[in-house]
Protein backbone atom coordinates (compact mmCIF):
# COMPACT_ATOMS: atom_id res chain seq x y z
CA UNK A 1 -19.62 -2.48 14.11
CA UNK A 2 -17.15 -5.03 12.76
CA UNK A 3 -14.81 -4.26 9.87
CA UNK A 4 -12.91 -7.28 8.62
CA UNK A 5 -10.01 -7.45 6.21
CA UNK A 6 -9.99 -10.95 4.72
CA UNK A 7 -6.67 -11.46 3.01
CA UNK A 8 -6.58 -13.93 0.15
CA UNK A 9 -3.25 -13.31 -1.61
CA UNK A 10 0.33 -12.56 -0.63
CA UNK A 11 3.80 -12.32 -2.18
CA UNK A 12 7.08 -10.60 -1.34
CA UNK A 13 5.76 -7.22 -2.52
CA UNK A 14 2.06 -6.82 -1.74
CA UNK A 15 -0.77 -8.45 0.21
CA UNK A 16 -4.31 -8.51 -1.22
CA UNK A 17 -7.72 -8.92 0.32
CA UNK A 18 -11.31 -7.70 0.62
CA UNK A 19 -13.06 -5.58 3.23
CA UNK A 20 -16.27 -6.70 4.91
CA UNK A 21 -18.52 -4.62 7.18
CA UNK A 22 -20.73 -6.59 9.57
CA UNK A 23 -20.24 -9.71 7.47
CA UNK A 24 -21.04 -8.20 4.06
CA UNK A 25 -18.54 -7.19 1.41
CA UNK A 26 -18.12 -3.41 1.51
CA UNK A 27 -14.96 -2.78 -0.52
CA UNK A 28 -13.95 -5.25 -3.25
CA UNK A 29 -10.17 -4.92 -3.03
CA UNK A 30 -7.55 -4.03 -0.43
CA UNK A 31 -3.78 -3.99 -0.78
CA UNK A 32 -0.89 -3.49 1.62
CA UNK A 33 2.88 -3.43 1.27
CA UNK A 34 4.01 -6.92 2.30
CA UNK A 35 6.83 -5.87 4.63
CA UNK A 36 4.64 -3.35 6.46
CA UNK A 37 1.24 -5.07 6.49
CA UNK A 38 -0.98 -4.91 9.56
CA UNK A 39 -0.44 -7.94 11.83
CA UNK A 40 -3.46 -10.22 12.05
CA UNK A 41 -5.64 -9.50 15.05
CA UNK A 42 -8.50 -7.36 16.37
CA UNK A 43 -8.15 -3.61 16.87
CA UNK A 44 -10.37 -0.84 18.20
CA UNK A 45 -11.00 1.74 15.48
CA UNK A 46 -12.19 5.33 15.46
CA UNK A 47 -12.77 8.25 13.14
CA UNK A 48 -10.08 10.91 13.11
CA UNK A 49 -10.63 14.44 11.87
CA UNK A 50 -8.23 15.34 9.06
CA UNK A 51 -8.94 18.80 7.68
CA UNK A 52 -12.58 18.82 6.65
CA UNK A 53 -12.78 15.05 6.30
CA UNK A 54 -12.67 12.00 8.54
CA UNK A 55 -10.32 9.05 8.22
CA UNK A 56 -10.59 5.58 9.76
CA UNK A 57 -7.76 5.10 12.21
CA UNK A 58 -6.56 2.38 14.57
CA UNK A 59 -3.39 1.43 16.45
CA UNK A 60 -1.73 -1.91 15.73
CA UNK A 61 -0.09 -4.22 18.27
CA UNK A 62 3.22 -2.36 17.95
CA UNK A 63 1.62 0.98 18.77
CA UNK A 64 1.74 2.28 15.18
CA UNK A 65 -1.19 4.24 13.80
CA UNK A 66 -2.81 2.68 10.75
CA UNK A 67 -5.35 4.26 8.43
CA UNK A 68 -7.54 3.38 5.45
CA UNK A 69 -7.00 5.36 2.24
CA UNK A 70 -8.59 5.31 -1.22
CA UNK A 71 -5.48 4.89 -3.38
CA UNK A 72 -3.30 4.19 -5.15
CA UNK A 73 -1.16 1.05 -4.63
CA UNK A 74 1.03 -0.94 -2.24
CA UNK A 75 3.60 1.84 -2.64
CA UNK A 76 1.13 4.28 -1.08
CA UNK A 77 0.40 1.72 1.61
CA UNK A 78 4.09 1.67 2.51
CA UNK A 79 4.47 5.45 2.63
CA UNK A 80 1.28 6.07 4.63
CA UNK A 81 1.25 2.92 6.85
CA UNK A 82 -2.20 2.38 5.38
CA UNK A 83 -4.59 -0.19 4.02
CA UNK A 84 -5.34 0.90 0.45
CA UNK A 85 -8.93 0.30 -0.69
CA UNK A 86 -10.93 0.44 -3.91
CA UNK A 87 -11.61 -1.50 -7.09
CA UNK A 88 -8.90 -3.74 -8.48
CA UNK A 89 -6.98 -1.95 -11.25
CA UNK A 90 -4.11 -4.41 -11.50
CA UNK A 91 -2.82 -6.69 -8.73
CA UNK A 92 -1.21 -4.31 -6.24
CA UNK A 93 -3.14 -1.18 -7.27
CA UNK A 94 -6.67 0.24 -7.03
CA UNK A 95 -8.92 2.82 -8.66
CA UNK A 96 -12.19 4.54 -7.74
CA UNK A 97 -11.78 3.82 -4.06
CA UNK A 98 -13.10 7.10 -2.73
CA UNK A 99 -16.81 6.31 -3.04
CA UNK A 100 -16.40 3.01 -1.18
CA UNK A 101 -14.38 4.59 1.60
CA UNK A 102 -16.74 7.56 2.01
CA UNK A 103 -19.67 5.17 2.28
CA UNK A 104 -17.86 3.11 4.92
CA UNK A 105 -16.92 6.22 6.90
CA UNK A 106 -20.53 7.35 6.86
CA UNK A 107 -21.62 3.97 8.27
CA UNK A 108 -18.99 4.18 10.99
CA UNK A 109 -20.04 7.71 11.89
CA UNK A 110 -23.64 6.55 12.34
CA UNK A 111 -22.51 3.55 14.40
CA UNK A 112 -20.44 5.75 16.72
CA UNK A 113 -23.31 8.22 17.04
CA UNK A 114 -25.53 5.32 18.10
CA UNK A 115 -23.05 4.40 20.82
CA UNK A 116 -21.62 1.34 19.11
CA UNK A 117 -17.96 0.38 19.18
CA UNK A 118 -16.01 -0.19 15.97
CA UNK A 119 -13.42 -2.94 15.56
CA UNK A 120 -11.06 -3.83 12.74
CA UNK A 121 -10.30 -7.54 12.37
CA UNK A 122 -7.48 -8.70 10.08
CA UNK A 123 -7.50 -12.37 9.07
CA UNK A 124 -5.65 -14.49 6.55
CA UNK A 125 -7.13 -17.94 7.11
CA UNK A 126 -7.51 -18.60 3.38
CA UNK A 127 -4.48 -16.70 2.12
CA UNK A 128 -2.54 -18.11 -0.83
CA UNK A 129 0.82 -17.28 -2.37
CA UNK A 130 0.50 -15.12 -5.48
CA UNK A 131 2.96 -14.03 -8.16
CA UNK A 132 4.21 -10.48 -8.62
CA UNK A 133 2.90 -9.23 -11.95
CA UNK A 134 5.31 -8.05 -14.64
CA UNK A 135 4.34 -4.39 -14.16
CA UNK A 136 6.05 -4.26 -10.75
CA UNK A 137 9.25 -6.15 -11.53
CA UNK A 138 12.66 -4.48 -11.62
CA UNK A 139 14.57 -7.05 -13.68
CA UNK A 140 17.80 -5.17 -14.32
CA UNK A 141 18.82 -4.92 -10.69
CA UNK A 142 16.16 -6.76 -8.70
CA UNK A 143 18.84 -8.74 -6.84
CA UNK A 144 20.88 -5.63 -6.10
CA UNK A 145 18.25 -3.11 -5.07
CA UNK A 146 15.17 -4.47 -3.34
CA UNK A 147 11.82 -2.72 -3.01
CA UNK A 148 12.63 -2.15 0.66
CA UNK A 149 15.56 -0.03 -0.46
CA UNK A 150 13.62 1.48 -3.33
CA UNK A 151 10.77 2.63 -1.11
CA UNK A 152 13.39 3.87 1.37
CA UNK A 153 11.60 2.63 4.47
CA UNK A 154 14.26 3.87 6.85
CA UNK A 155 13.98 7.40 5.51
CA UNK A 156 11.05 8.42 3.28
CA UNK A 157 13.09 11.15 1.60
CA UNK A 158 15.16 10.42 -1.53
CA UNK A 159 17.44 7.54 -2.38
CA UNK A 160 21.04 8.41 -1.67
CA UNK A 161 23.18 7.57 -4.71
CA UNK A 162 26.20 6.37 -2.70
CA UNK A 163 24.02 4.20 -0.45
CA UNK A 164 22.27 2.69 -3.45
CA UNK A 165 25.58 1.92 -5.13
CA UNK A 166 26.88 0.35 -1.93
CA UNK A 167 23.75 -1.82 -1.79
CA UNK A 168 24.82 -3.63 -4.93
CA UNK A 169 25.81 -1.28 -7.70
CA UNK A 170 24.34 -1.00 -11.15
CA UNK A 171 25.26 -0.51 -14.77
CA UNK A 172 26.20 2.77 -16.43
CA UNK A 173 22.66 3.66 -17.53
CA UNK A 174 21.08 2.83 -14.19
CA UNK A 175 23.85 4.68 -12.39
CA UNK A 176 23.03 7.87 -14.24
CA UNK A 177 19.27 7.44 -13.81
CA UNK A 178 19.51 6.80 -10.08
CA UNK A 179 21.21 10.09 -9.23
CA UNK A 180 17.90 11.17 -7.78
CA UNK A 181 18.85 13.07 -4.62
CA UNK A 182 16.91 16.31 -4.72
CA UNK A 183 15.28 15.39 -8.02
CA UNK A 184 12.57 12.95 -7.00
CA UNK A 185 11.79 9.88 -4.97
CA UNK A 186 13.77 6.68 -4.95
CA UNK A 187 10.93 4.90 -6.70
CA UNK A 188 10.80 7.63 -9.33
CA UNK A 189 14.48 7.03 -10.07
CA UNK A 190 14.02 3.28 -10.27
CA UNK A 191 10.95 3.81 -12.38
CA UNK A 192 12.81 5.91 -14.92
CA UNK A 193 15.76 3.56 -14.98
CA UNK A 194 13.92 0.27 -15.25
CA UNK A 195 10.67 1.36 -16.86
CA UNK A 196 9.12 -1.66 -15.14
CA UNK A 197 10.57 -4.12 -17.63
CA UNK A 198 9.93 -1.76 -20.53
CA UNK A 199 6.17 -2.10 -20.40
CA UNK A 200 3.98 0.58 -21.90
CA UNK A 201 1.75 1.59 -19.05
CA UNK A 202 -1.84 2.69 -19.47
CA UNK A 203 -2.70 6.23 -18.47
CA UNK A 204 -4.79 4.98 -15.55
CA UNK A 205 -1.73 3.25 -14.12
CA UNK A 206 0.56 6.25 -14.60
CA UNK A 207 0.40 7.49 -11.05
CA UNK A 208 0.62 4.27 -9.05
């Protein structure tokens, strides 16, 4: 069985695509964190037991385990080293991905039971540069604190205030808001400080 991720869009924050199973579109939207996206190539996949459920798992060329998950955005992709799948909510985020993923897992389970191998192919032959939508921008200190720092790739715990200040510093309001050690994630602190350019977010976007 062949699972193919066909990427069509990319920017400095997230990479977008679609998932095809045996040549037919199976999941309408996929998103990955740009700096941690799966390298293009072909990988042997399997189903891994996780509690009472199965997840699709494969190892990339660097030996890192990658999985498919049903939500929520490129931020989740970064934290889980995952390809996020579902319907397009806004560029960079999905909704209602569980039904698609469960259906795909069921097909893979049947293929494995029938003795067939499962491969994941990642391509970006027709990829184009896209723009980061306003929802994800951090205008007040985008040049001082990058998303790599915000998502704290080196350590998935909380953003250290001193380290953040050393990375570029910020104004009085942001300084107070970013004292997040022990109070929430780095992204949570940035979220409260910047409010994503002051946009009013819809309830469906609240958790992404």
